[in-house]
Amino acid sequence: MVTAIVIPIICLYFFWVTRKERRKSEAEWRSIGTVPEEAVIEGKVTALSLEKQRYYHHLHVWVLEMRIQAASKTIIARKLQAADQGFRNSDIKEGGYVILFGKWQKDIFIVNRSRLQEVLKTD
């Protein structure tokens, strides 16, 4: 008699906990590309690589990794985006100059938004 009551309660409890975790992970996944704009870097894009990585069970993220040649050194910058559709922000090209807004996470710059920079050509 006790097991007929306790086992369904345990199953319902674990179902509730799992559903709560999934909702929390999905909310984090949706806002993965939003980071505080604590720093600004600018430079020339020397290399680009785009890949899709698993975030949580069936959720994926786009990771755009850029190598930026700044005034003094090469910086690795990453733009993260929820993979709910195709990657947006394809205006960044190799050899172009960009201004990136975001924050530092150890030695990697995490990008919140980017802007193309016009290069003044002198003859």
PDB file of N, CA and C in Angstrom:
ATOM      1  N   MET A   1       0.824  -1.196   0.000  1.00  0.00           N
ATOM      2  CA  MET A   1       0.000   0.000   0.000  1.00  0.00           C
ATOM      3  C   MET A   1       0.868   1.260   0.000  1.00  0.00           C
ATOM      4  N   VAL A   2       1.920   1.252   0.819  1.00  0.00           N
ATOM      5  CA  VAL A   2       2.800   2.417   0.910  1.00  0.00           C
ATOM      6  C   VAL A   2       3.522   2.643  -0.412  1.00  0.00           C
ATOM      7  N   THR A   3       4.005   1.560  -1.030  1.00  0.00           N
ATOM      8  CA  THR A   3       4.724   1.722  -2.298  1.00  0.00           C
ATOM      9  C   THR A   3       3.811   2.232  -3.405  1.00  0.00           C
ATOM     10  N   ALA A   4       2.543   1.912  -3.353  1.00  0.00           N
ATOM     11  CA  ALA A   4       1.603   2.395  -4.368  1.00  0.00           C
ATOM     12  C   ALA A   4       1.418   3.908  -4.280  1.00  0.00           C
ATOM     13  N   ILE A   5       1.714   4.481  -3.135  1.00  0.00           N
ATOM     14  CA  ILE A   5       1.589   5.927  -2.949  1.00  0.00           C
ATOM     15  C   ILE A   5       2.944   6.619  -3.112  1.00  0.00           C
ATOM     16  N   VAL A   6       3.995   6.035  -2.547  1.00  0.00           N
ATOM     17  CA  VAL A   6       5.312   6.681  -2.511  1.00  0.00           C
ATOM     18  C   VAL A   6       5.985   6.701  -3.884  1.00  0.00           C
ATOM     19  N   ILE A   7       5.953   5.613  -4.626  1.00  0.00           N
ATOM     20  CA  ILE A   7       6.648   5.548  -5.917  1.00  0.00           C
ATOM     21  C   ILE A   7       6.100   6.575  -6.913  1.00  0.00           C
ATOM     22  N   PRO A   8       4.802   6.731  -7.097  1.00  0.00           N
ATOM     23  CA  PRO A   8       4.329   7.789  -8.000  1.00  0.00           C
ATOM     24  C   PRO A   8       4.713   9.194  -7.530  1.00  0.00           C
ATOM     25  N   ILE A   9       4.737   9.408  -6.227  1.00  0.00           N
ATOM     26  CA  ILE A   9       5.142  10.723  -5.706  1.00  0.00           C
ATOM     27  C   ILE A   9       6.600  10.992  -6.042  1.00  0.00           C
ATOM     28  N   ILE A  10       7.459   9.992  -5.887  1.00  0.00           N
ATOM     29  CA  ILE A  10       8.883  10.148  -6.222  1.00  0.00           C
ATOM     30  C   ILE A  10       9.042  10.416  -7.719  1.00  0.00           C
ATOM     31  N   CYS A  11       8.326   9.681  -8.541  1.00  0.00           N
ATOM     32  CA  CYS A  11       8.397   9.898  -9.994  1.00  0.00           C
ATOM     33  C   CYS A  11       7.944  11.309 -10.374  1.00  0.00           C
ATOM     34  N   LEU A  12       6.860  11.756  -9.804  1.00  0.00           N
ATOM     35  CA  LEU A  12       6.377  13.114 -10.082  1.00  0.00           C
ATOM     36  C   LEU A  12       7.369  14.177  -9.613  1.00  0.00           C
ATOM     37  N   TYR A  13       8.005  13.943  -8.473  1.00  0.00           N
ATOM     38  CA  TYR A  13       8.993  14.889  -7.958  1.00  0.00           C
ATOM     39  C   TYR A  13      10.168  15.011  -8.929  1.00  0.00           C
ATOM     40  N   PHE A  14      10.711  13.880  -9.403  1.00  0.00           N
ATOM     41  CA  PHE A  14      11.840  13.933 -10.331  1.00  0.00           C
ATOM     42  C   PHE A  14      11.438  14.526 -11.676  1.00  0.00           C
ATOM     43  N   PHE A  15      10.228  14.284 -12.116  1.00  0.00           N
ATOM     44  CA  PHE A  15       9.733  14.909 -13.338  1.00  0.00           C
ATOM     45  C   PHE A  15       9.681  16.424 -13.175  1.00  0.00           C
ATOM     46  N   TRP A  16       9.191  16.882 -12.036  1.00  0.00           N
ATOM     47  CA  TRP A  16       9.097  18.318 -11.754  1.00  0.00           C
ATOM     48  C   TRP A  16      10.482  18.962 -11.698  1.00  0.00           C
ATOM     49  N   VAL A  17      11.446  18.315 -11.034  1.00  0.00           N
ATOM     50  CA  VAL A  17      12.810  18.851 -10.931  1.00  0.00           C
ATOM     51  C   VAL A  17      13.461  18.923 -12.312  1.00  0.00           C
ATOM     52  N   THR A  18      13.307  17.885 -13.110  1.00  0.00           N
ATOM     53  CA  THR A  18      13.891  17.854 -14.450  1.00  0.00           C
ATOM     54  C   THR A  18      13.297  18.946 -15.336  1.00  0.00           C
ATOM     55  N   ARG A  19      11.999  19.130 -15.267  1.00  0.00           N
ATOM     56  CA  ARG A  19      11.344  20.166 -16.065  1.00  0.00           C
ATOM     57  C   ARG A  19      11.815  21.559 -15.657  1.00  0.00           C
ATOM     58  N   LYS A  20      11.988  21.769 -14.365  1.00  0.00           N
ATOM     59  CA  LYS A  20      12.476  23.052 -13.850  1.00  0.00           C
ATOM     60  C   LYS A  20      13.905  23.320 -14.334  1.00  0.00           C
ATOM     61  N   GLU A  21      14.763  22.303 -14.304  1.00  0.00           N
ATOM     62  CA  GLU A  21      16.140  22.432 -14.796  1.00  0.00           C
ATOM     63  C   GLU A  21      16.165  22.751 -16.281  1.00  0.00           C
ATOM     64  N   ARG A  22      15.320  22.071 -17.051  1.00  0.00           N
ATOM     65  CA  ARG A  22      15.280  22.283 -18.492  1.00  0.00           C
ATOM     66  C   ARG A  22      14.863  23.711 -18.822  1.00  0.00           C
ATOM     67  N   ARG A  23      13.888  24.234 -18.112  1.00  0.00           N
ATOM     68  CA  ARG A  23      13.448  25.622 -18.345  1.00  0.00           C
ATOM     69  C   ARG A  23      14.553  26.620 -18.005  1.00  0.00           C
ATOM     70  N   LYS A  24      15.260  26.359 -16.910  1.00  0.00           N
ATOM     71  CA  LYS A  24      16.364  27.237 -16.513  1.00  0.00           C
ATOM     72  C   LYS A  24      17.472  27.210 -17.565  1.00  0.00           C
ATOM     73  N   SER A  25      17.827  26.019 -18.037  1.00  0.00           N
ATOM     74  CA  SER A  25      18.873  25.895 -19.054  1.00  0.00           C
ATOM     75  C   SER A  25      18.463  26.551 -20.361  1.00  0.00           C
ATOM     76  N   GLU A  26      17.204  26.435 -20.730  1.00  0.00           N
ATOM     77  CA  GLU A  26      16.746  27.058 -21.964  1.00  0.00           C
ATOM     78  C   GLU A  26      16.766  28.582 -21.857  1.00  0.00           C
ATOM     79  N   ALA A  27      16.435  29.120 -20.698  1.00  0.00           N
ATOM     80  CA  ALA A  27      16.501  30.576 -20.498  1.00  0.00           C
ATOM     81  C   ALA A  27      17.948  31.063 -20.587  1.00  0.00           C
ATOM     82  N   GLU A  28      18.882  30.320 -20.001  1.00  0.00           N
ATOM     83  CA  GLU A  28      20.303  30.678 -20.098  1.00  0.00           C
ATOM     84  C   GLU A  28      20.776  30.584 -21.542  1.00  0.00           C
ATOM     85  N   TRP A  29      20.319  29.560 -22.259  1.00  0.00           N
ATOM     86  CA  TRP A  29      20.706  29.360 -23.653  1.00  0.00           C
ATOM     87  C   TRP A  29      20.230  30.514 -24.528  1.00  0.00           C
ATOM     88  N   ARG A  30      19.011  30.975 -24.316  1.00  0.00           N
ATOM     89  CA  ARG A  30      18.471  32.082 -25.112  1.00  0.00           C
ATOM     90  C   ARG A  30      19.276  33.370 -24.923  1.00  0.00           C
ATOM     91  N   SER A  31      19.817  33.575 -23.719  1.00  0.00           N
ATOM     92  CA  SER A  31      20.543  34.817 -23.440  1.00  0.00           C
ATOM     93  C   SER A  31      22.054  34.623 -23.441  1.00  0.00           C
ATOM     94  N   ILE A  32      22.557  33.579 -24.083  1.00  0.00           N
ATOM     95  CA  ILE A  32      23.987  33.279 -24.034  1.00  0.00           C
ATOM     96  C   ILE A  32      24.836  34.349 -24.730  1.00  0.00           C
ATOM     97  N   GLY A  33      24.311  35.002 -25.736  1.00  0.00           N
ATOM     98  CA  GLY A  33      25.084  36.002 -26.456  1.00  0.00           C
ATOM     99  C   GLY A  33      25.083  37.376 -25.811  1.00  0.00           C
ATOM    100  N   THR A  34      24.355  37.551 -24.737  1.00  0.00           N
ATOM    101  CA  THR A  34      24.272  38.842 -24.068  1.00  0.00           C
ATOM    102  C   THR A  34      25.245  38.870 -22.902  1.00  0.00           C
ATOM    103  N   VAL A  35      26.287  39.677 -23.044  1.00  0.00           N
ATOM    104  CA  VAL A  35      27.278  39.834 -21.976  1.00  0.00           C
ATOM    105  C   VAL A  35      27.439  41.321 -21.696  1.00  0.00           C
ATOM    106  N   PRO A  36      27.884  41.678 -20.493  1.00  0.00           N
ATOM    107  CA  PRO A  36      28.083  43.102 -20.203  1.00  0.00           C
ATOM    108  C   PRO A  36      29.204  43.689 -21.063  1.00  0.00           C
ATOM    109  N   GLU A  37      29.031  44.928 -21.465  1.00  0.00           N
ATOM    110  CA  GLU A  37      30.037  45.606 -22.287  1.00  0.00           C
ATOM    111  C   GLU A  37      31.010  46.348 -21.379  1.00  0.00           C
ATOM    112  N   GLU A  38      32.001  45.624 -20.901  1.00  0.00           N
ATOM    113  CA  GLU A  38      32.977  46.187 -19.977  1.00  0.00           C
ATOM    114  C   GLU A  38      34.228  46.696 -20.680  1.00  0.00           C
ATOM    115  N   ALA A  39      34.471  46.242 -21.900  1.00  0.00           N
ATOM    116  CA  ALA A  39      35.696  46.612 -22.605  1.00  0.00           C
ATOM    117  C   ALA A  39      35.414  46.742 -24.098  1.00  0.00           C
ATOM    118  N   VAL A  40      36.316  47.435 -24.784  1.00  0.00           N
ATOM    119  CA  VAL A  40      36.220  47.626 -26.228  1.00  0.00           C
ATOM    120  C   VAL A  40      37.574  47.296 -26.832  1.00  0.00           C
ATOM    121  N   ILE A  41      37.571  46.512 -27.903  1.00  0.00           N
ATOM    122  CA  ILE A  41      38.812  46.270 -28.643  1.00  0.00           C
ATOM    123  C   ILE A  41      38.544  46.566 -30.110  1.00  0.00           C
ATOM    124  N   GLU A  42      39.590  46.902 -30.812  1.00  0.00           N
ATOM    125  CA  GLU A  42      39.459  47.132 -32.243  1.00  0.00           C
ATOM    126  C   GLU A  42      40.707  46.632 -32.933  1.00  0.00           C
ATOM    127  N   GLY A  43      40.531  46.216 -34.166  1.00  0.00           N
ATOM    128  CA  GLY A  43      41.662  45.712 -34.922  1.00  0.00           C
ATOM    129  C   GLY A  43      41.217  45.047 -36.209  1.00  0.00           C
ATOM    130  N   LYS A  44      42.172  44.387 -36.849  1.00  0.00           N
ATOM    131  CA  LYS A  44      41.940  43.723 -38.125  1.00  0.00           C
ATOM    132  C   LYS A  44      41.665  42.245 -37.877  1.00  0.00           C
ATOM    133  N   VAL A  45      40.647  41.715 -38.536  1.00  0.00           N
ATOM    134  CA  VAL A  45      40.308  40.295 -38.412  1.00  0.00           C
ATOM    135  C   VAL A  45      41.282  39.503 -39.279  1.00  0.00           C
ATOM    136  N   THR A  46      42.078  38.640 -38.640  1.00  0.00           N
ATOM    137  CA  THR A  46      43.046  37.841 -39.390  1.00  0.00           C
ATOM    138  C   THR A  46      42.553  36.428 -39.659  1.00  0.00           C
ATOM    139  N   ALA A  47      41.648  35.915 -38.827  1.00  0.00           N
ATOM    140  CA  ALA A  47      41.116  34.561 -39.043  1.00  0.00           C
ATOM    141  C   ALA A  47      39.718  34.465 -38.450  1.00  0.00           C
ATOM    142  N   LEU A  48      38.870  33.690 -39.108  1.00  0.00           N
ATOM    143  CA  LEU A  48      37.497  33.445 -38.647  1.00  0.00           C
ATOM    144  C   LEU A  48      37.228  31.946 -38.672  1.00  0.00           C
ATOM    145  N   SER A  49      36.529  31.467 -37.655  1.00  0.00           N
ATOM    146  CA  SER A  49      36.047  30.080 -37.699  1.00  0.00           C
ATOM    147  C   SER A  49      34.688  30.032 -37.014  1.00  0.00           C
ATOM    148  N   LEU A  50      33.750  29.358 -37.660  1.00  0.00           N
ATOM    149  CA  LEU A  50      32.385  29.234 -37.150  1.00  0.00           C
ATOM    150  C   LEU A  50      32.092  27.763 -36.927  1.00  0.00           C
ATOM    151  N   GLU A  51      31.615  27.434 -35.723  1.00  0.00           N
ATOM    152  CA  GLU A  51      31.247  26.050 -35.449  1.00  0.00           C
ATOM    153  C   GLU A  51      30.012  26.007 -34.561  1.00  0.00           C
ATOM    154  N   LYS A  52      29.349  24.873 -34.612  1.00  0.00           N
ATOM    155  CA  LYS A  52      28.147  24.649 -33.814  1.00  0.00           C
ATOM    156  C   LYS A  52      28.515  23.683 -32.694  1.00  0.00           C
ATOM    157  N   GLN A  53      28.240  24.077 -31.439  1.00  0.00           N
ATOM    158  CA  GLN A  53      28.579  23.242 -30.290  1.00  0.00           C
ATOM    159  C   GLN A  53      27.320  22.915 -29.497  1.00  0.00           C
ATOM    160  N   ARG A  54      27.344  21.753 -28.854  1.00  0.00           N
ATOM    161  CA  ARG A  54      26.220  21.343 -28.011  1.00  0.00           C
ATOM    162  C   ARG A  54      26.274  22.132 -26.708  1.00  0.00           C
ATOM    163  N   TYR A  55      25.137  22.659 -26.294  1.00  0.00           N
ATOM    164  CA  TYR A  55      25.047  23.418 -25.048  1.00  0.00           C
ATOM    165  C   TYR A  55      24.381  22.595 -23.947  1.00  0.00           C
ATOM    166  N   TYR A  56      23.222  22.029 -24.257  1.00  0.00           N
ATOM    167  CA  TYR A  56      22.476  21.248 -23.264  1.00  0.00           C
ATOM    168  C   TYR A  56      21.523  20.334 -24.019  1.00  0.00           C
ATOM    169  N   HIS A  57      21.671  19.044 -23.872  1.00  0.00           N
ATOM    170  CA  HIS A  57      20.856  18.026 -24.546  1.00  0.00           C
ATOM    171  C   HIS A  57      20.612  18.375 -26.012  1.00  0.00           C
ATOM    172  N   HIS A  58      19.469  18.927 -26.343  1.00  0.00           N
ATOM    173  CA  HIS A  58      19.117  19.210 -27.732  1.00  0.00           C
ATOM    174  C   HIS A  58      19.397  20.659 -28.137  1.00  0.00           C
ATOM    175  N   LEU A  59      19.963  21.451 -27.251  1.00  0.00           N
ATOM    176  CA  LEU A  59      20.242  22.861 -27.541  1.00  0.00           C
ATOM    177  C   LEU A  59      21.691  23.027 -28.002  1.00  0.00           C
ATOM    178  N   HIS A  60      21.885  23.854 -29.026  1.00  0.00           N
ATOM    179  CA  HIS A  60      23.222  24.103 -29.559  1.00  0.00           C
ATOM    180  C   HIS A  60      23.487  25.608 -29.594  1.00  0.00           C
ATOM    181  N   VAL A  61      24.768  25.971 -29.679  1.00  0.00           N
ATOM    182  CA  VAL A  61      25.161  27.372 -29.816  1.00  0.00           C
ATOM    183  C   VAL A  61      26.120  27.507 -30.996  1.00  0.00           C
ATOM    184  N   TRP A  62      26.044  28.648 -31.662  1.00  0.00           N
ATOM    185  CA  TRP A  62      27.020  28.999 -32.686  1.00  0.00           C
ATOM    186  C   TRP A  62      28.179  29.693 -31.987  1.00  0.00           C
ATOM    187  N   VAL A  63      29.397  29.307 -32.319  1.00  0.00           N
ATOM    188  CA  VAL A  63      30.591  29.930 -31.762  1.00  0.00           C
ATOM    189  C   VAL A  63      31.408  30.476 -32.933  1.00  0.00           C
ATOM    190  N   LEU A  64      31.485  31.797 -33.021  1.00  0.00           N
ATOM    191  CA  LEU A  64      32.307  32.453 -34.033  1.00  0.00           C
ATOM    192  C   LEU A  64      33.587  32.892 -33.341  1.00  0.00           C
ATOM    193  N   GLU A  65      34.694  32.265 -33.714  1.00  0.00           N
ATOM    194  CA  GLU A  65      35.975  32.613 -33.104  1.00  0.00           C
ATOM    195  C   GLU A  65      36.761  33.460 -34.093  1.00  0.00           C
ATOM    196  N   MET A  66      37.219  34.607 -33.622  1.00  0.00           N
ATOM    197  CA  MET A  66      37.951  35.548 -34.462  1.00  0.00           C
ATOM    198  C   MET A  66      39.328  35.792 -33.869  1.00  0.00           C
ATOM    199  N   ARG A  67      40.305  35.903 -34.720  1.00  0.00           N
ATOM    200  CA  ARG A  67      41.629  36.356 -34.291  1.00  0.00           C
ATOM    201  C   ARG A  67      41.749  37.799 -34.772  1.00  0.00           C
ATOM    202  N   ILE A  68      41.952  38.688 -33.806  1.00  0.00           N
ATOM    203  CA  ILE A  68      42.011  40.118 -34.082  1.00  0.00           C
ATOM    204  C   ILE A  68      43.444  40.593 -33.879  1.00  0.00           C
ATOM    205  N   GLN A  69      43.999  41.240 -34.898  1.00  0.00           N
ATOM    206  CA  GLN A  69      45.325  41.831 -34.774  1.00  0.00           C
ATOM    207  C   GLN A  69      45.134  43.260 -34.293  1.00  0.00           C
ATOM    208  N   ALA A  70      45.370  43.455 -32.992  1.00  0.00           N
ATOM    209  CA  ALA A  70      45.248  44.788 -32.403  1.00  0.00           C
ATOM    210  C   ALA A  70      46.583  45.507 -32.574  1.00  0.00           C
ATOM    211  N   ALA A  71      46.703  46.663 -31.968  1.00  0.00           N
ATOM    212  CA  ALA A  71      47.913  47.466 -32.119  1.00  0.00           C
ATOM    213  C   ALA A  71      49.157  46.727 -31.633  1.00  0.00           C
ATOM    214  N   SER A  72      49.041  46.001 -30.527  1.00  0.00           N
ATOM    215  CA  SER A  72      50.239  45.403 -29.939  1.00  0.00           C
ATOM    216  C   SER A  72      50.278  43.879 -29.981  1.00  0.00           C
ATOM    217  N   LYS A  73      49.122  43.212 -30.070  1.00  0.00           N
ATOM    218  CA  LYS A  73      49.139  41.746 -30.026  1.00  0.00           C
ATOM    219  C   LYS A  73      47.920  41.167 -30.727  1.00  0.00           C
ATOM    220  N   THR A  74      47.914  39.846 -30.850  1.00  0.00           N
ATOM    221  CA  THR A  74      46.780  39.135 -31.429  1.00  0.00           C
ATOM    222  C   THR A  74      45.834  38.708 -30.315  1.00  0.00           C
ATOM    223  N   ILE A  75      44.560  38.988 -30.500  1.00  0.00           N
ATOM    224  CA  ILE A  75      43.537  38.700 -29.492  1.00  0.00           C
ATOM    225  C   ILE A  75      42.566  37.677 -30.065  1.00  0.00           C
ATOM    226  N   ILE A  76      42.175  36.715 -29.233  1.00  0.00           N
ATOM    227  CA  ILE A  76      41.138  35.760 -29.621  1.00  0.00           C
ATOM    228  C   ILE A  76      39.809  36.276 -29.074  1.00  0.00           C
ATOM    229  N   ALA A  77      38.832  36.436 -29.958  1.00  0.00           N
ATOM    230  CA  ALA A  77      37.505  36.918 -29.563  1.00  0.00           C
ATOM    231  C   ALA A  77      36.473  35.881 -29.974  1.00  0.00           C
ATOM    232  N   ARG A  78      35.470  35.685 -29.120  1.00  0.00           N
ATOM    233  CA  ARG A  78      34.403  34.722 -29.403  1.00  0.00           C
ATOM    234  C   ARG A  78      33.041  35.392 -29.328  1.00  0.00           C
ATOM    235  N   LYS A  79      32.233  35.117 -30.327  1.00  0.00           N
ATOM    236  CA  LYS A  79      30.839  35.573 -30.349  1.00  0.00           C
ATOM    237  C   LYS A  79      29.975  34.332 -30.222  1.00  0.00           C
ATOM    238  N   LEU A  80      29.163  34.267 -29.161  1.00  0.00           N
ATOM    239  CA  LEU A  80      28.277  33.130 -28.914  1.00  0.00           C
ATOM    240  C   LEU A  80      26.853  33.518 -29.278  1.00  0.00           C
ATOM    241  N   GLN A  81      26.125  32.567 -29.849  1.00  0.00           N
ATOM    242  CA  GLN A  81      24.756  32.843 -30.259  1.00  0.00           C
ATOM    243  C   GLN A  81      23.945  31.554 -30.197  1.00  0.00           C
ATOM    244  N   ALA A  82      22.744  31.633 -29.664  1.00  0.00           N
ATOM    245  CA  ALA A  82      21.865  30.462 -29.603  1.00  0.00           C
ATOM    246  C   ALA A  82      21.573  29.982 -31.023  1.00  0.00           C
ATOM    247  N   ALA A  83      21.662  28.683 -31.241  1.00  0.00           N
ATOM    248  CA  ALA A  83      21.480  28.116 -32.580  1.00  0.00           C
ATOM    249  C   ALA A  83      20.024  27.753 -32.824  1.00  0.00           C
ATOM    250  N   ASP A  84      19.133  28.717 -32.632  1.00  0.00           N
ATOM    251  CA  ASP A  84      17.726  28.474 -32.914  1.00  0.00           C
ATOM    252  C   ASP A  84      17.436  28.637 -34.399  1.00  0.00           C
ATOM    253  N   GLN A  85      18.356  29.242 -35.114  1.00  0.00           N
ATOM    254  CA  GLN A  85      18.263  29.381 -36.562  1.00  0.00           C
ATOM    255  C   GLN A  85      19.677  29.580 -37.086  1.00  0.00           C
ATOM    256  N   GLY A  86      19.831  30.009 -38.314  1.00  0.00           N
ATOM    257  CA  GLY A  86      21.151  30.221 -38.881  1.00  0.00           C
ATOM    258  C   GLY A  86      21.906  31.326 -38.161  1.00  0.00           C
ATOM    259  N   PHE A  87      23.233  31.334 -38.307  1.00  0.00           N
ATOM    260  CA  PHE A  87      24.055  32.338 -37.637  1.00  0.00           C
ATOM    261  C   PHE A  87      23.788  33.706 -38.239  1.00  0.00           C
ATOM    262  N   ARG A  88      23.529  34.675 -37.386  1.00  0.00           N
ATOM    263  CA  ARG A  88      23.309  36.050 -37.824  1.00  0.00           C
ATOM    264  C   ARG A  88      24.607  36.839 -37.591  1.00  0.00           C
ATOM    265  N   ASN A  89      24.764  37.925 -38.274  1.00  0.00           N
ATOM    266  CA  ASN A  89      25.938  38.785 -38.149  1.00  0.00           C
ATOM    267  C   ASN A  89      27.061  38.296 -39.053  1.00  0.00           C
ATOM    268  N   SER A  90      26.742  38.062 -40.286  1.00  0.00           N
ATOM    269  CA  SER A  90      27.751  37.590 -41.231  1.00  0.00           C
ATOM    270  C   SER A  90      28.494  38.742 -41.905  1.00  0.00           C
ATOM    271  N   ASP A  91      28.354  39.964 -41.387  1.00  0.00           N
ATOM    272  CA  ASP A  91      29.017  41.113 -42.001  1.00  0.00           C
ATOM    273  C   ASP A  91      30.506  41.173 -41.665  1.00  0.00           C
ATOM    274  N   ILE A  92      30.973  40.372 -40.738  1.00  0.00           N
ATOM    275  CA  ILE A  92      32.395  40.347 -40.388  1.00  0.00           C
ATOM    276  C   ILE A  92      33.120  39.459 -41.391  1.00  0.00           C
ATOM    277  N   LYS A  93      34.119  40.008 -42.030  1.00  0.00           N
ATOM    278  CA  LYS A  93      34.892  39.277 -43.033  1.00  0.00           C
ATOM    279  C   LYS A  93      36.368  39.291 -42.649  1.00  0.00           C
ATOM    280  N   GLU A  94      37.081  38.287 -43.126  1.00  0.00           N
ATOM    281  CA  GLU A  94      38.522  38.239 -42.899  1.00  0.00           C
ATOM    282  C   GLU A  94      39.175  39.416 -43.610  1.00  0.00           C
ATOM    283  N   GLY A  95      40.093  40.075 -42.923  1.00  0.00           N
ATOM    284  CA  GLY A  95      40.769  41.232 -43.486  1.00  0.00           C
ATOM    285  C   GLY A  95      40.075  42.548 -43.189  1.00  0.00           C
ATOM    286  N   GLY A  96      38.876  42.498 -42.636  1.00  0.00           N
ATOM    287  CA  GLY A  96      38.144  43.715 -42.302  1.00  0.00           C
ATOM    288  C   GLY A  96      38.531  44.237 -40.924  1.00  0.00           C
ATOM    289  N   TYR A  97      38.235  45.489 -40.690  1.00  0.00           N
ATOM    290  CA  TYR A  97      38.513  46.112 -39.398  1.00  0.00           C
ATOM    291  C   TYR A  97      37.208  46.200 -38.605  1.00  0.00           C
ATOM    292  N   VAL A  98      37.264  45.800 -37.341  1.00  0.00           N
ATOM    293  CA  VAL A  98      36.064  45.777 -36.503  1.00  0.00           C
ATOM    294  C   VAL A  98      36.329  46.422 -35.150  1.00  0.00           C
ATOM    295  N   ILE A  99      35.244  46.870 -34.543  1.00  0.00           N
ATOM    296  CA  ILE A  99      35.255  47.319 -33.152  1.00  0.00           C
ATOM    297  C   ILE A  99      34.347  46.349 -32.410  1.00  0.00           C
ATOM    298  N   LEU A 100      34.865  45.724 -31.352  1.00  0.00           N
ATOM    299  CA  LEU A 100      34.117  44.723 -30.598  1.00  0.00           C
ATOM    300  C   LEU A 100      33.862  45.220 -29.186  1.00  0.00           C
ATOM    301  N   PHE A 101      32.633  45.043 -28.720  1.00  0.00           N
ATOM    302  CA  PHE A 101      32.239  45.429 -27.371  1.00  0.00           C
ATOM    303  C   PHE A 101      31.908  44.160 -26.604  1.00  0.00           C
ATOM    304  N   GLY A 102      32.426  44.040 -25.385  1.00  0.00           N
ATOM    305  CA  GLY A 102      32.160  42.837 -24.596  1.00  0.00           C
ATOM    306  C   GLY A 102      32.955  42.830 -23.310  1.00  0.00           C
ATOM    307  N   LYS A 103      33.397  41.633 -22.919  1.00  0.00           N
ATOM    308  CA  LYS A 103      34.155  41.510 -21.672  1.00  0.00           C
ATOM    309  C   LYS A 103      35.247  40.465 -21.836  1.00  0.00           C
ATOM    310  N   TRP A 104      36.239  40.559 -20.965  1.00  0.00           N
ATOM    311  CA  TRP A 104      37.332  39.592 -20.943  1.00  0.00           C
ATOM    312  C   TRP A 104      36.962  38.433 -20.039  1.00  0.00           C
ATOM    313  N   GLN A 105      37.262  37.230 -20.502  1.00  0.00           N
ATOM    314  CA  GLN A 105      37.096  36.025 -19.700  1.00  0.00           C
ATOM    315  C   GLN A 105      38.414  35.270 -19.832  1.00  0.00           C
ATOM    316  N   LYS A 106      39.267  35.457 -18.834  1.00  0.00           N
ATOM    317  CA  LYS A 106      40.657  34.981 -18.861  1.00  0.00           C
ATOM    318  C   LYS A 106      41.360  35.648 -20.039  1.00  0.00           C
ATOM    319  N   ASP A 107      41.874  34.887 -21.009  1.00  0.00           N
ATOM    320  CA  ASP A 107      42.601  35.481 -22.137  1.00  0.00           C
ATOM    321  C   ASP A 107      41.748  35.619 -23.394  1.00  0.00           C
ATOM    322  N   ILE A 108      40.466  35.347 -23.285  1.00  0.00           N
ATOM    323  CA  ILE A 108      39.577  35.384 -24.446  1.00  0.00           C
ATOM    324  C   ILE A 108      38.565  36.514 -24.264  1.00  0.00           C
ATOM    325  N   PHE A 109      38.343  37.252 -25.333  1.00  0.00           N
ATOM    326  CA  PHE A 109      37.382  38.350 -25.311  1.00  0.00           C
ATOM    327  C   PHE A 109      36.031  37.819 -25.780  1.00  0.00           C
ATOM    328  N   ILE A 110      35.008  37.937 -24.941  1.00  0.00           N
ATOM    329  CA  ILE A 110      33.655  37.490 -25.272  1.00  0.00           C
ATOM    330  C   ILE A 110      32.883  38.697 -25.816  1.00  0.00           C
ATOM    331  N   VAL A 111      32.371  38.575 -27.027  1.00  0.00           N
ATOM    332  CA  VAL A 111      31.766  39.692 -27.754  1.00  0.00           C
ATOM    333  C   VAL A 111      30.261  39.764 -27.498  1.00  0.00           C
ATOM    334  N   ASN A 112      29.789  40.964 -27.185  1.00  0.00           N
ATOM    335  CA  ASN A 112      28.352  41.210 -27.085  1.00  0.00           C
ATOM    336  C   ASN A 112      27.829  41.748 -28.415  1.00  0.00           C
ATOM    337  N   ARG A 113      28.505  42.749 -28.947  1.00  0.00           N
ATOM    338  CA  ARG A 113      28.115  43.304 -30.249  1.00  0.00           C
ATOM    339  C   ARG A 113      29.364  43.762 -30.984  1.00  0.00           C
ATOM    340  N   SER A 114      29.233  43.907 -32.278  1.00  0.00           N
ATOM    341  CA  SER A 114      30.373  44.309 -33.100  1.00  0.00           C
ATOM    342  C   SER A 114      29.931  45.381 -34.085  1.00  0.00           C
ATOM    343  N   ARG A 115      30.915  46.121 -34.551  1.00  0.00           N
ATOM    344  CA  ARG A 115      30.648  47.170 -35.529  1.00  0.00           C
ATOM    345  C   ARG A 115      31.810  47.209 -36.508  1.00  0.00           C
ATOM    346  N   LEU A 116      31.512  47.305 -37.783  1.00  0.00           N
ATOM    347  CA  LEU A 116      32.571  47.421 -38.777  1.00  0.00           C
ATOM    348  C   LEU A 116      33.193  48.804 -38.685  1.00  0.00           C
ATOM    349  N   GLN A 117      34.497  48.848 -38.866  1.00  0.00           N
ATOM    350  CA  GLN A 117      35.222  50.112 -38.769  1.00  0.00           C
ATOM    351  C   GLN A 117      35.688  50.505 -40.159  1.00  0.00           C
ATOM    352  N   GLU A 118      35.453  51.742 -40.519  1.00  0.00           N
ATOM    353  CA  GLU A 118      35.916  52.249 -41.805  1.00  0.00           C
ATOM    354  C   GLU A 118      37.406  52.536 -41.713  1.00  0.00           C
ATOM    355  N   VAL A 119      38.142  52.103 -42.714  1.00  0.00           N
ATOM    356  CA  VAL A 119      39.585  52.317 -42.748  1.00  0.00           C
ATOM    357  C   VAL A 119      39.867  53.479 -43.684  1.00  0.00           C
ATOM    358  N   LEU A 120      40.610  54.454 -43.179  1.00  0.00           N
ATOM    359  CA  LEU A 120      40.989  55.592 -44.004  1.00  0.00           C
ATOM    360  C   LEU A 120      42.218  55.221 -44.814  1.00  0.00           C
ATOM    361  N   LYS A 121      42.105  55.310 -46.133  1.00  0.00           N
ATOM    362  CA  LYS A 121      43.229  54.975 -47.006  1.00  0.00           C
ATOM    363  C   LYS A 121      43.941  56.259 -47.395  1.00  0.00           C
ATOM    364  N   THR A 122      45.242  56.256 -47.223  1.00  0.00           N
ATOM    365  CA  THR A 122      46.038  57.414 -47.620  1.00  0.00           C
ATOM    366  C   THR A 122      46.830  57.051 -48.860  1.00  0.00           C
ATOM    367  N   ASP A 123      46.903  57.975 -49.792  1.00  0.00           N
ATOM    368  CA  ASP A 123      47.628  57.712 -51.047  1.00  0.00           C
ATOM    369  C   ASP A 123      49.061  58.111 -50.947  1.00  0.00           C
TER     370      ASP A 123
END
